[in-house]
Amino acid sequence: MPPKAYRCTYVAAQVAVKKKYGLWVTSAEKAAMIKVLSTCSKQALPTGGNPTNAPARFHAN
């Protein structure tokens, strides 16, 4: 994980890439994303890319 000051941006970028390419995430990865993003009140996410309300192609294994 990157330094705390960059984590929100880093995880949001991960969500964007996974959403764009229809990539899967593990349950552990999804939980980590949710944990980090829950602390990011001002971080923009791609439309539909929030792992707590994931589109059909953004599955957790």
C-alpha atoms as a PDB file:
ATOM      1  CA  MET A   1       0.000   0.000   0.000  1.00  0.00           C
ATOM      2  CA  PRO A   2       1.345   3.463  -0.812  1.00  0.00           C
ATOM      3  CA  PRO A   3       1.834   6.177   1.830  1.00  0.00           C
ATOM      4  CA  LYS A   4      -1.363   7.237   3.592  1.00  0.00           C
ATOM      5  CA  ALA A   5      -1.543  10.597   1.781  1.00  0.00           C
ATOM      6  CA  TYR A   6      -1.818   8.818  -1.593  1.00  0.00           C
ATOM      7  CA  ARG A   7      -4.002   5.809  -0.687  1.00  0.00           C
ATOM      8  CA  CYS A   8      -7.342   7.302  -1.716  1.00  0.00           C
ATOM      9  CA  THR A   9      -6.032   8.269  -5.142  1.00  0.00           C
ATOM     10  CA  TYR A  10      -4.298   4.899  -5.548  1.00  0.00           C
ATOM     11  CA  VAL A  11      -7.362   2.820  -4.662  1.00  0.00           C
ATOM     12  CA  ALA A  12      -9.674   4.993  -6.781  1.00  0.00           C
ATOM     13  CA  ALA A  13      -7.312   4.431  -9.723  1.00  0.00           C
ATOM     14  CA  GLN A  14      -7.422   0.666  -9.075  1.00  0.00           C
ATOM     15  CA  VAL A  15     -11.213   0.744  -9.134  1.00  0.00           C
ATOM     16  CA  ALA A  16     -11.191   2.742 -12.379  1.00  0.00           C
ATOM     17  CA  VAL A  17      -8.823   0.316 -14.130  1.00  0.00           C
ATOM     18  CA  LYS A  18     -10.687  -2.767 -12.927  1.00  0.00           C
ATOM     19  CA  LYS A  19     -13.997  -1.255 -14.009  1.00  0.00           C
ATOM     20  CA  LYS A  20     -12.710  -0.166 -17.426  1.00  0.00           C
ATOM     21  CA  TYR A  21     -11.300  -3.591 -18.261  1.00  0.00           C
ATOM     22  CA  GLY A  22     -13.940  -5.667 -16.469  1.00  0.00           C
ATOM     23  CA  LEU A  23     -11.367  -7.198 -14.107  1.00  0.00           C
ATOM     24  CA  TRP A  24     -12.211  -9.304 -11.069  1.00  0.00           C
ATOM     25  CA  VAL A  25     -11.198  -8.641  -7.479  1.00  0.00           C
ATOM     26  CA  THR A  26     -10.796 -11.082  -4.615  1.00  0.00           C
ATOM     27  CA  SER A  27     -12.919 -10.751  -1.501  1.00  0.00           C
ATOM     28  CA  ALA A  28      -9.854  -9.583   0.424  1.00  0.00           C
ATOM     29  CA  GLU A  29      -9.038  -6.958  -2.218  1.00  0.00           C
ATOM     30  CA  LYS A  30     -12.618  -5.699  -2.229  1.00  0.00           C
ATOM     31  CA  ALA A  31     -12.624  -5.465   1.576  1.00  0.00           C
ATOM     32  CA  ALA A  32      -9.350  -3.507   1.507  1.00  0.00           C
ATOM     33  CA  MET A  33     -10.753  -1.135  -1.137  1.00  0.00           C
ATOM     34  CA  ILE A  34     -13.875  -0.518   0.914  1.00  0.00           C
ATOM     35  CA  LYS A  35     -11.799   0.079   4.057  1.00  0.00           C
ATOM     36  CA  VAL A  36      -9.542   2.636   2.352  1.00  0.00           C
ATOM     37  CA  LEU A  37     -12.325   4.360   0.404  1.00  0.00           C
ATOM     38  CA  SER A  38     -14.467   4.700   3.534  1.00  0.00           C
ATOM     39  CA  THR A  39     -11.840   7.191   4.769  1.00  0.00           C
ATOM     40  CA  CYS A  40     -11.817   9.186   1.507  1.00  0.00           C
ATOM     41  CA  SER A  41     -14.671  11.645   1.782  1.00  0.00           C
ATOM     42  CA  LYS A  42     -13.438  13.834  -1.094  1.00  0.00           C
ATOM     43  CA  GLN A  43     -12.084  11.156  -3.456  1.00  0.00           C
ATOM     44  CA  ALA A  44     -13.958  10.917  -6.758  1.00  0.00           C
ATOM     45  CA  LEU A  45     -14.696   7.426  -8.055  1.00  0.00           C
ATOM     46  CA  PRO A  46     -15.598   6.322 -11.550  1.00  0.00           C
ATOM     47  CA  THR A  47     -19.364   6.093 -12.087  1.00  0.00           C
ATOM     48  CA  GLY A  48     -20.556   2.744 -10.776  1.00  0.00           C
ATOM     49  CA  GLY A  49     -17.027   1.821  -9.664  1.00  0.00           C
ATOM     50  CA  ASN A  50     -17.561   1.968  -5.938  1.00  0.00           C
ATOM     51  CA  PRO A  51     -16.875  -1.555  -4.680  1.00  0.00           C
ATOM     52  CA  THR A  52     -19.749  -1.311  -2.211  1.00  0.00           C
ATOM     53  CA  ASN A  53     -22.166  -0.851  -5.137  1.00  0.00           C
ATOM     54  CA  ALA A  54     -20.286  -2.675  -7.854  1.00  0.00           C
ATOM     55  CA  PRO A  55     -21.491  -3.094 -11.426  1.00  0.00           C
ATOM     56  CA  ALA A  56     -21.995  -6.656 -12.694  1.00  0.00           C
ATOM     57  CA  ARG A  57     -18.499  -6.852 -14.189  1.00  0.00           C
ATOM     58  CA  PHE A  58     -16.804  -5.809 -10.938  1.00  0.00           C
ATOM     59  CA  HIS A  59     -17.119  -9.077  -8.993  1.00  0.00           C
ATOM     60  CA  ALA A  60     -15.364 -10.302  -5.900  1.00  0.00           C
ATOM     61  CA  ASN A  61     -14.141 -13.885  -5.987  1.00  0.00           C
END
